[in-house]
All heavy atoms as atom14 arrays in JSON, in Angstrom:
{
  "sequence": "MMELMSKIPEMSDIVITVFAARRRRQIEQGDSSLKLIGADVDKR",
  "atom14_mask": [
    [1, 1, 1, 1, 1, 1, 1, 1, 0, 0, 0, 0, 0, 0],
    [1, 1, 1, 1, 1, 1, 1, 1, 0, 0, 0, 0, 0, 0],
    [1, 1, 1, 1, 1, 1, 1, 1, 1, 0, 0, 0, 0, 0],
    [1, 1, 1, 1, 1, 1, 1, 1, 0, 0, 0, 0, 0, 0],
    [1, 1, 1, 1, 1, 1, 1, 1, 0, 0, 0, 0, 0, 0],
    [1, 1, 1, 1, 1, 1, 0, 0, 0, 0, 0, 0, 0, 0],
    [1, 1, 1, 1, 1, 1, 1, 1, 1, 0, 0, 0, 0, 0],
    [1, 1, 1, 1, 1, 1, 1, 1, 0, 0, 0, 0, 0, 0],
    [1, 1, 1, 1, 1, 1, 1, 0, 0, 0, 0, 0, 0, 0],
    [1, 1, 1, 1, 1, 1, 1, 1, 1, 0, 0, 0, 0, 0],
    [1, 1, 1, 1, 1, 1, 1, 1, 0, 0, 0, 0, 0, 0],
    [1, 1, 1, 1, 1, 1, 0, 0, 0, 0, 0, 0, 0, 0],
    [1, 1, 1, 1, 1, 1, 1, 1, 0, 0, 0, 0, 0, 0],
    [1, 1, 1, 1, 1, 1, 1, 1, 0, 0, 0, 0, 0, 0],
    [1, 1, 1, 1, 1, 1, 1, 0, 0, 0, 0, 0, 0, 0],
    [1, 1, 1, 1, 1, 1, 1, 1, 0, 0, 0, 0, 0, 0],
    [1, 1, 1, 1, 1, 1, 1, 0, 0, 0, 0, 0, 0, 0],
    [1, 1, 1, 1, 1, 1, 1, 0, 0, 0, 0, 0, 0, 0],
    [1, 1, 1, 1, 1, 1, 1, 1, 1, 1, 1, 0, 0, 0],
    [1, 1, 1, 1, 1, 0, 0, 0, 0, 0, 0, 0, 0, 0],
    [1, 1, 1, 1, 1, 0, 0, 0, 0, 0, 0, 0, 0, 0],
    [1, 1, 1, 1, 1, 1, 1, 1, 1, 1, 1, 0, 0, 0],
    [1, 1, 1, 1, 1, 1, 1, 1, 1, 1, 1, 0, 0, 0],
    [1, 1, 1, 1, 1, 1, 1, 1, 1, 1, 1, 0, 0, 0],
    [1, 1, 1, 1, 1, 1, 1, 1, 1, 1, 1, 0, 0, 0],
    [1, 1, 1, 1, 1, 1, 1, 1, 1, 0, 0, 0, 0, 0],
    [1, 1, 1, 1, 1, 1, 1, 1, 0, 0, 0, 0, 0, 0],
    [1, 1, 1, 1, 1, 1, 1, 1, 1, 0, 0, 0, 0, 0],
    [1, 1, 1, 1, 1, 1, 1, 1, 1, 0, 0, 0, 0, 0],
    [1, 1, 1, 1, 0, 0, 0, 0, 0, 0, 0, 0, 0, 0],
    [1, 1, 1, 1, 1, 1, 1, 1, 0, 0, 0, 0, 0, 0],
    [1, 1, 1, 1, 1, 1, 0, 0, 0, 0, 0, 0, 0, 0],
    [1, 1, 1, 1, 1, 1, 0, 0, 0, 0, 0, 0, 0, 0],
    [1, 1, 1, 1, 1, 1, 1, 1, 0, 0, 0, 0, 0, 0],
    [1, 1, 1, 1, 1, 1, 1, 1, 1, 0, 0, 0, 0, 0],
    [1, 1, 1, 1, 1, 1, 1, 1, 0, 0, 0, 0, 0, 0],
    [1, 1, 1, 1, 1, 1, 1, 1, 0, 0, 0, 0, 0, 0],
    [1, 1, 1, 1, 0, 0, 0, 0, 0, 0, 0, 0, 0, 0],
    [1, 1, 1, 1, 1, 0, 0, 0, 0, 0, 0, 0, 0, 0],
    [1, 1, 1, 1, 1, 1, 1, 1, 0, 0, 0, 0, 0, 0],
    [1, 1, 1, 1, 1, 1, 1, 0, 0, 0, 0, 0, 0, 0],
    [1, 1, 1, 1, 1, 1, 1, 1, 0, 0, 0, 0, 0, 0],
    [1, 1, 1, 1, 1, 1, 1, 1, 1, 0, 0, 0, 0, 0],
    [1, 1, 1, 1, 1, 1, 1, 1, 1, 1, 1, 0, 0, 0]
  ],
  "atom14_positions": [
    [[21.16, 52.05, -34.16], [19.92, 51.54, -34.76], [18.89, 52.66, -34.89], [18.18, 52.74, -35.9], [19.36, 50.4, -33.91], [18.15, 49.72, -34.52], [18.56, 48.94, -36.11], [16.92, 48.5, -36.7], [0.0, 0.0, 0.0], [0.0, 0.0, 0.0], [0.0, 0.0, 0.0], [0.0, 0.0, 0.0], [0.0, 0.0, 0.0], [0.0, 0.0, 0.0]],
    [[18.81, 53.53, -33.9], [17.86, 54.64, -33.98], [18.22, 55.57, -35.12], [17.35, 56.12, -35.81], [17.84, 55.4, -32.65], [17.3, 54.59, -31.47], [15.59, 54.04, -31.68], [14.73, 55.61, -31.65], [0.0, 0.0, 0.0], [0.0, 0.0, 0.0], [0.0, 0.0, 0.0], [0.0, 0.0, 0.0], [0.0, 0.0, 0.0], [0.0, 0.0, 0.0]],
    [[19.52, 55.74, -35.37], [19.96, 56.57, -36.49], [19.54, 55.93, -37.81], [19.05, 56.62, -38.73], [21.47, 56.74, -36.46], [21.98, 57.59, -35.29], [23.5, 57.58, -35.2], [24.14, 56.86, -35.99], [24.04, 58.31, -34.34], [0.0, 0.0, 0.0], [0.0, 0.0, 0.0], [0.0, 0.0, 0.0], [0.0, 0.0, 0.0], [0.0, 0.0, 0.0]],
    [[19.72, 54.61, -37.91], [19.31, 53.91, -39.13], [17.81, 54.03, -39.37], [17.36, 54.24, -40.49], [19.7, 52.42, -39.05], [21.18, 52.06, -39.18], [21.34, 50.55, -39.1], [21.74, 52.57, -40.5], [0.0, 0.0, 0.0], [0.0, 0.0, 0.0], [0.0, 0.0, 0.0], [0.0, 0.0, 0.0], [0.0, 0.0, 0.0], [0.0, 0.0, 0.0]],
    [[17.03, 53.88, -38.29], [15.58, 53.94, -38.43], [15.13, 55.33, -38.87], [14.14, 55.46, -39.6], [14.92, 53.54, -37.11], [15.07, 52.05, -36.79], [14.53, 51.61, -35.12], [12.78, 52.0, -35.2], [0.0, 0.0, 0.0], [0.0, 0.0, 0.0], [0.0, 0.0, 0.0], [0.0, 0.0, 0.0], [0.0, 0.0, 0.0], [0.0, 0.0, 0.0]],
    [[15.83, 56.36, -38.45], [15.45, 57.71, -38.87], [15.79, 57.94, -40.34], [15.14, 58.74, -41.02], [16.16, 58.76, -38.01], [17.56, 58.76, -38.24], [0.0, 0.0, 0.0], [0.0, 0.0, 0.0], [0.0, 0.0, 0.0], [0.0, 0.0, 0.0], [0.0, 0.0, 0.0], [0.0, 0.0, 0.0], [0.0, 0.0, 0.0], [0.0, 0.0, 0.0]],
    [[16.81, 57.23, -40.85], [17.23, 57.41, -42.23], [16.52, 56.45, -43.19], [16.45, 56.72, -44.39], [18.74, 57.19, -42.35], [19.57, 58.21, -41.58], [21.05, 57.86, -41.64], [21.89, 58.86, -40.86], [23.33, 58.49, -40.85], [0.0, 0.0, 0.0], [0.0, 0.0, 0.0], [0.0, 0.0, 0.0], [0.0, 0.0, 0.0], [0.0, 0.0, 0.0]],
    [[16.02, 55.32, -42.68], [15.38, 54.31, -43.53], [13.97, 54.07, -43.01], [13.71, 53.15, -42.23], [16.18, 52.98, -43.52], [17.66, 53.24, -43.77], [15.62, 52.02, -44.57], [18.53, 52.0, -43.66], [0.0, 0.0, 0.0], [0.0, 0.0, 0.0], [0.0, 0.0, 0.0], [0.0, 0.0, 0.0], [0.0, 0.0, 0.0], [0.0, 0.0, 0.0]],
    [[13.0, 54.91, -43.41], [11.65, 54.8, -42.86], [10.97, 53.47, -43.13], [10.18, 53.0, -42.33], [10.91, 55.97, -43.52], [11.73, 56.34, -44.71], [13.14, 56.03, -44.35], [0.0, 0.0, 0.0], [0.0, 0.0, 0.0], [0.0, 0.0, 0.0], [0.0, 0.0, 0.0], [0.0, 0.0, 0.0], [0.0, 0.0, 0.0], [0.0, 0.0, 0.0]],
    [[11.29, 52.83, -44.28], [10.66, 51.54, -44.58], [11.08, 50.48, -43.56], [10.26, 49.67, -43.12], [11.04, 51.07, -45.99], [10.55, 51.99, -47.11], [11.44, 53.19, -47.31], [12.52, 53.27, -46.69], [11.05, 54.08, -48.11], [0.0, 0.0, 0.0], [0.0, 0.0, 0.0], [0.0, 0.0, 0.0], [0.0, 0.0, 0.0], [0.0, 0.0, 0.0]],
    [[12.33, 50.5, -43.15], [12.79, 49.57, -42.12], [12.18, 49.93, -40.77], [11.75, 49.06, -40.01], [14.32, 49.6, -42.02], [14.87, 48.65, -40.94], [16.68, 48.52, -40.94], [17.13, 50.15, -40.35], [0.0, 0.0, 0.0], [0.0, 0.0, 0.0], [0.0, 0.0, 0.0], [0.0, 0.0, 0.0], [0.0, 0.0, 0.0], [0.0, 0.0, 0.0]],
    [[12.12, 51.22, -40.49], [11.54, 51.68, -39.24], [10.09, 51.22, -39.11], [9.66, 50.78, -38.03], [11.6, 53.21, -39.16], [10.98, 53.68, -38.01], [0.0, 0.0, 0.0], [0.0, 0.0, 0.0], [0.0, 0.0, 0.0], [0.0, 0.0, 0.0], [0.0, 0.0, 0.0], [0.0, 0.0, 0.0], [0.0, 0.0, 0.0], [0.0, 0.0, 0.0]],
    [[9.33, 51.29, -40.22], [7.93, 50.88, -40.18], [7.79, 49.42, -39.77], [6.93, 49.06, -38.96], [7.28, 51.09, -41.56], [7.11, 52.56, -41.9], [7.24, 53.39, -40.99], [6.86, 52.86, -43.08], [0.0, 0.0, 0.0], [0.0, 0.0, 0.0], [0.0, 0.0, 0.0], [0.0, 0.0, 0.0], [0.0, 0.0, 0.0], [0.0, 0.0, 0.0]],
    [[8.64, 48.56, -40.33], [8.56, 47.13, -40.02], [8.92, 46.88, -38.56], [8.22, 46.17, -37.83], [9.49, 46.33, -40.96], [9.0, 46.43, -42.4], [9.56, 44.86, -40.51], [9.96, 45.83, -43.41], [0.0, 0.0, 0.0], [0.0, 0.0, 0.0], [0.0, 0.0, 0.0], [0.0, 0.0, 0.0], [0.0, 0.0, 0.0], [0.0, 0.0, 0.0]],
    [[10.01, 47.47, -38.12], [10.49, 47.24, -36.76], [9.46, 47.71, -35.73], [9.11, 46.98, -34.79], [11.84, 47.95, -36.53], [12.24, 47.9, -35.05], [12.93, 47.3, -37.38], [0.0, 0.0, 0.0], [0.0, 0.0, 0.0], [0.0, 0.0, 0.0], [0.0, 0.0, 0.0], [0.0, 0.0, 0.0], [0.0, 0.0, 0.0], [0.0, 0.0, 0.0]],
    [[8.95, 48.92, -35.91], [8.01, 49.47, -34.93], [6.7, 48.7, -34.94], [6.08, 48.48, -33.89], [7.8, 50.97, -35.18], [9.06, 51.74, -34.79], [6.6, 51.5, -34.4], [9.0, 53.22, -35.05], [0.0, 0.0, 0.0], [0.0, 0.0, 0.0], [0.0, 0.0, 0.0], [0.0, 0.0, 0.0], [0.0, 0.0, 0.0], [0.0, 0.0, 0.0]],
    [[6.25, 48.28, -36.11], [5.0, 47.51, -36.18], [5.14, 46.2, -35.41], [4.24, 45.8, -34.67], [4.62, 47.22, -37.64], [4.44, 48.46, -38.33], [3.33, 46.43, -37.72], [0.0, 0.0, 0.0], [0.0, 0.0, 0.0], [0.0, 0.0, 0.0], [0.0, 0.0, 0.0], [0.0, 0.0, 0.0], [0.0, 0.0, 0.0], [0.0, 0.0, 0.0]],
    [[6.27, 45.54, -35.55], [6.5, 44.28, -34.83], [6.6, 44.54, -33.33], [5.99, 43.84, -32.52], [7.76, 43.58, -35.35], [8.1, 42.37, -34.47], [7.57, 43.13, -36.79], [0.0, 0.0, 0.0], [0.0, 0.0, 0.0], [0.0, 0.0, 0.0], [0.0, 0.0, 0.0], [0.0, 0.0, 0.0], [0.0, 0.0, 0.0], [0.0, 0.0, 0.0]],
    [[7.35, 45.55, -32.96], [7.49, 45.88, -31.53], [6.13, 46.18, -30.91], [5.82, 45.73, -29.81], [8.41, 47.09, -31.35], [9.88, 46.79, -31.49], [10.81, 47.81, -31.45], [10.35, 45.49, -31.66], [12.17, 47.56, -31.56], [11.7, 45.22, -31.79], [12.61, 46.27, -31.74], [0.0, 0.0, 0.0], [0.0, 0.0, 0.0], [0.0, 0.0, 0.0]],
    [[5.33, 46.99, -31.62], [4.01, 47.36, -31.08], [3.11, 46.14, -30.97], [2.35, 45.99, -30.0], [3.37, 48.42, -31.97], [0.0, 0.0, 0.0], [0.0, 0.0, 0.0], [0.0, 0.0, 0.0], [0.0, 0.0, 0.0], [0.0, 0.0, 0.0], [0.0, 0.0, 0.0], [0.0, 0.0, 0.0], [0.0, 0.0, 0.0], [0.0, 0.0, 0.0]],
    [[3.16, 45.25, -31.97], [2.33, 44.04, -31.93], [2.74, 43.13, -30.77], [1.89, 42.54, -30.1], [2.43, 43.29, -33.25], [0.0, 0.0, 0.0], [0.0, 0.0, 0.0], [0.0, 0.0, 0.0], [0.0, 0.0, 0.0], [0.0, 0.0, 0.0], [0.0, 0.0, 0.0], [0.0, 0.0, 0.0], [0.0, 0.0, 0.0], [0.0, 0.0, 0.0]],
    [[4.04, 43.06, -30.52], [4.49, 42.25, -29.39], [3.99, 42.81, -28.07], [3.55, 42.07, -27.18], [6.02, 42.17, -29.4], [6.59, 41.3, -30.51], [8.09, 41.38, -30.57], [8.61, 40.53, -31.64], [9.87, 40.54, -32.08], [10.75, 41.37, -31.52], [10.25, 39.74, -33.05], [0.0, 0.0, 0.0], [0.0, 0.0, 0.0], [0.0, 0.0, 0.0]],
    [[4.07, 44.14, -27.92], [3.59, 44.75, -26.69], [2.08, 44.53, -26.53], [1.61, 44.24, -25.43], [3.93, 46.24, -26.68], [3.38, 47.03, -25.49], [3.77, 46.44, -24.13], [5.17, 46.3, -23.94], [5.97, 47.23, -23.41], [5.47, 48.4, -23.05], [7.26, 46.98, -23.24], [0.0, 0.0, 0.0], [0.0, 0.0, 0.0], [0.0, 0.0, 0.0]],
    [[1.34, 44.68, -27.61], [-0.11, 44.47, -27.53], [-0.43, 43.04, -27.12], [-1.32, 42.8, -26.3], [-0.76, 44.81, -28.88], [-2.24, 44.51, -28.94], [-3.03, 45.34, -27.96], [-3.11, 46.72, -28.4], [-3.82, 47.64, -27.76], [-4.48, 47.34, -26.67], [-3.84, 48.88, -28.19], [0.0, 0.0, 0.0], [0.0, 0.0, 0.0], [0.0, 0.0, 0.0]],
    [[0.3, 42.08, -27.7], [0.04, 40.68, -27.32], [0.3, 40.48, -25.83], [-0.47, 39.8, -25.14], [0.94, 39.75, -28.13], [0.7, 38.27, -27.86], [1.87, 37.4, -28.28], [3.06, 37.67, -27.49], [3.24, 37.2, -26.25], [2.32, 36.48, -25.65], [4.36, 37.5, -25.6], [0.0, 0.0, 0.0], [0.0, 0.0, 0.0], [0.0, 0.0, 0.0]],
    [[1.39, 41.05, -25.32], [1.71, 40.9, -23.9], [0.6, 41.48, -23.03], [0.21, 40.89, -22.03], [3.03, 41.6, -23.59], [4.27, 40.87, -24.06], [5.52, 41.56, -23.55], [6.0, 42.51, -24.16], [6.04, 41.1, -22.43], [0.0, 0.0, 0.0], [0.0, 0.0, 0.0], [0.0, 0.0, 0.0], [0.0, 0.0, 0.0], [0.0, 0.0, 0.0]],
    [[0.1, 42.64, -23.42], [-0.94, 43.29, -22.62], [-2.22, 42.48, -22.65], [-2.86, 42.24, -21.61], [-1.19, 44.72, -23.14], [0.02, 45.61, -22.84], [-2.44, 45.32, -22.51], [-0.04, 46.98, -23.47], [0.0, 0.0, 0.0], [0.0, 0.0, 0.0], [0.0, 0.0, 0.0], [0.0, 0.0, 0.0], [0.0, 0.0, 0.0], [0.0, 0.0, 0.0]],
    [[-2.61, 42.04, -23.83], [-3.87, 41.31, -23.96], [-3.83, 39.96, -23.24], [-4.84, 39.49, -22.73], [-4.19, 41.1, -25.44], [-4.57, 42.4, -26.16], [-4.8, 42.19, -27.64], [-4.45, 41.11, -28.16], [-5.33, 43.13, -28.29], [0.0, 0.0, 0.0], [0.0, 0.0, 0.0], [0.0, 0.0, 0.0], [0.0, 0.0, 0.0], [0.0, 0.0, 0.0]],
    [[-2.65, 39.34, -23.16], [-2.53, 38.03, -22.53], [-1.96, 38.08, -21.11], [-1.76, 37.04, -20.48], [-1.68, 37.11, -23.41], [-2.29, 36.88, -24.79], [-1.46, 35.96, -25.66], [-0.51, 35.32, -25.21], [-1.81, 35.89, -26.93], [0.0, 0.0, 0.0], [0.0, 0.0, 0.0], [0.0, 0.0, 0.0], [0.0, 0.0, 0.0], [0.0, 0.0, 0.0]],
    [[-1.72, 39.29, -20.59], [-1.15, 39.4, -19.25], [0.17, 38.69, -19.15], [0.47, 38.02, -18.15], [0.0, 0.0, 0.0], [0.0, 0.0, 0.0], [0.0, 0.0, 0.0], [0.0, 0.0, 0.0], [0.0, 0.0, 0.0], [0.0, 0.0, 0.0], [0.0, 0.0, 0.0], [0.0, 0.0, 0.0], [0.0, 0.0, 0.0], [0.0, 0.0, 0.0]],
    [[1.0, 38.85, -20.16], [2.23, 38.07, -20.29], [3.44, 38.96, -19.99], [3.83, 39.79, -20.81], [2.31, 37.51, -21.71], [3.47, 36.55, -21.88], [4.06, 36.15, -20.87], [3.78, 36.21, -23.04], [0.0, 0.0, 0.0], [0.0, 0.0, 0.0], [0.0, 0.0, 0.0], [0.0, 0.0, 0.0], [0.0, 0.0, 0.0], [0.0, 0.0, 0.0]],
    [[4.02, 38.8, -18.82], [5.15, 39.64, -18.44], [5.86, 39.03, -17.25], [5.29, 38.2, -16.53], [4.65, 41.05, -18.08], [5.7, 41.84, -17.56], [0.0, 0.0, 0.0], [0.0, 0.0, 0.0], [0.0, 0.0, 0.0], [0.0, 0.0, 0.0], [0.0, 0.0, 0.0], [0.0, 0.0, 0.0], [0.0, 0.0, 0.0], [0.0, 0.0, 0.0]],
    [[7.09, 39.46, -17.04], [7.82, 39.04, -15.85], [7.41, 39.87, -14.63], [7.87, 39.61, -13.52], [9.33, 39.18, -16.08], [9.77, 38.31, -17.1], [0.0, 0.0, 0.0], [0.0, 0.0, 0.0], [0.0, 0.0, 0.0], [0.0, 0.0, 0.0], [0.0, 0.0, 0.0], [0.0, 0.0, 0.0], [0.0, 0.0, 0.0], [0.0, 0.0, 0.0]],
    [[6.55, 40.87, -14.85], [6.03, 41.68, -13.74], [4.78, 41.02, -13.19], [3.77, 40.88, -13.89], [5.72, 43.09, -14.24], [5.1, 44.05, -13.22], [6.06, 44.29, -12.05], [4.72, 45.37, -13.89], [0.0, 0.0, 0.0], [0.0, 0.0, 0.0], [0.0, 0.0, 0.0], [0.0, 0.0, 0.0], [0.0, 0.0, 0.0], [0.0, 0.0, 0.0]],
    [[4.83, 40.62, -11.93], [3.7, 39.94, -11.28], [3.12, 40.83, -10.19], [3.86, 41.31, -9.32], [4.15, 38.61, -10.66], [4.95, 37.7, -11.58], [4.13, 37.16, -12.73], [4.94, 36.19, -13.6], [4.17, 35.72, -14.78], [0.0, 0.0, 0.0], [0.0, 0.0, 0.0], [0.0, 0.0, 0.0], [0.0, 0.0, 0.0], [0.0, 0.0, 0.0]],
    [[1.82, 41.02, -10.22], [1.13, 41.81, -9.19], [0.23, 40.87, -8.4], [-0.72, 40.31, -8.94], [0.3, 42.92, -9.83], [1.03, 43.86, -10.8], [0.1, 44.98, -11.24], [2.29, 44.43, -10.17], [0.0, 0.0, 0.0], [0.0, 0.0, 0.0], [0.0, 0.0, 0.0], [0.0, 0.0, 0.0], [0.0, 0.0, 0.0], [0.0, 0.0, 0.0]],
    [[0.54, 40.71, -7.13], [-0.23, 39.81, -6.26], [-1.1, 40.65, -5.32], [-0.6, 41.5, -4.58], [0.7, 38.92, -5.42], [1.56, 38.04, -6.34], [-0.1, 38.05, -4.46], [2.57, 37.19, -5.58], [0.0, 0.0, 0.0], [0.0, 0.0, 0.0], [0.0, 0.0, 0.0], [0.0, 0.0, 0.0], [0.0, 0.0, 0.0], [0.0, 0.0, 0.0]],
    [[-2.41, 40.41, -5.38], [-3.3, 41.02, -4.41], [-3.87, 42.36, -4.79], [-4.33, 43.1, -3.91], [0.0, 0.0, 0.0], [0.0, 0.0, 0.0], [0.0, 0.0, 0.0], [0.0, 0.0, 0.0], [0.0, 0.0, 0.0], [0.0, 0.0, 0.0], [0.0, 0.0, 0.0], [0.0, 0.0, 0.0], [0.0, 0.0, 0.0], [0.0, 0.0, 0.0]],
    [[-3.93, 42.7, -6.09], [-4.55, 43.97, -6.47], [-6.04, 43.96, -6.11], [-6.65, 45.02, -5.99], [-4.37, 44.21, -7.96], [0.0, 0.0, 0.0], [0.0, 0.0, 0.0], [0.0, 0.0, 0.0], [0.0, 0.0, 0.0], [0.0, 0.0, 0.0], [0.0, 0.0, 0.0], [0.0, 0.0, 0.0], [0.0, 0.0, 0.0], [0.0, 0.0, 0.0]],
    [[-6.59, 42.75, -5.93], [-8.01, 42.65, -5.59], [-8.29, 43.11, -4.16], [-9.44, 43.41, -3.82], [-8.49, 41.22, -5.78], [-7.59, 40.18, -5.12], [-6.37, 40.4, -5.07], [-8.12, 39.14, -4.66], [0.0, 0.0, 0.0], [0.0, 0.0, 0.0], [0.0, 0.0, 0.0], [0.0, 0.0, 0.0], [0.0, 0.0, 0.0], [0.0, 0.0, 0.0]],
    [[-7.25, 43.19, -3.32], [-7.48, 43.56, -1.92], [-6.57, 44.69, -1.43], [-6.86, 45.29, -0.39], [-7.29, 42.33, -0.98], [-8.3, 41.25, -1.3], [-5.86, 41.79, -1.08], [0.0, 0.0, 0.0], [0.0, 0.0, 0.0], [0.0, 0.0, 0.0], [0.0, 0.0, 0.0], [0.0, 0.0, 0.0], [0.0, 0.0, 0.0], [0.0, 0.0, 0.0]],
    [[-5.5, 44.98, -2.13], [-4.51, 45.94, -1.64], [-4.5, 47.2, -2.5], [-4.33, 47.14, -3.72], [-3.12, 45.31, -1.64], [-2.09, 46.2, -0.97], [-1.93, 46.11, 0.26], [-1.45, 46.98, -1.69], [0.0, 0.0, 0.0], [0.0, 0.0, 0.0], [0.0, 0.0, 0.0], [0.0, 0.0, 0.0], [0.0, 0.0, 0.0], [0.0, 0.0, 0.0]],
    [[-4.66, 48.35, -1.86], [-4.75, 49.63, -2.55], [-3.46, 49.98, -3.28], [-3.48, 50.5, -4.39], [-5.11, 50.72, -1.53], [-5.32, 52.1, -2.11], [-5.75, 53.07, -1.03], [-5.93, 54.47, -1.58], [-6.38, 55.41, -0.53], [0.0, 0.0, 0.0], [0.0, 0.0, 0.0], [0.0, 0.0, 0.0], [0.0, 0.0, 0.0], [0.0, 0.0, 0.0]],
    [[-2.31, 49.69, -2.66], [-1.03, 50.05, -3.28], [-0.79, 49.22, -4.55], [-0.31, 49.74, -5.56], [0.11, 49.86, -2.3], [0.13, 50.86, -1.15], [1.39, 50.72, -0.34], [1.59, 49.33, 0.11], [2.7, 48.9, 0.71], [3.7, 49.73, 0.91], [2.8, 47.65, 1.11], [0.0, 0.0, 0.0], [0.0, 0.0, 0.0], [0.0, 0.0, 0.0]]
  ]
}
């Protein structure tokens, strides 16, 4: 797939734009399987 994306920039643009938008949505909504408990009190 990475080879295809390097050869077909129009397809690469669509795929990366969607991937980036998904990541941004996750960050903005705190949406992930990674859970951090106690950052308000624990330094680590």
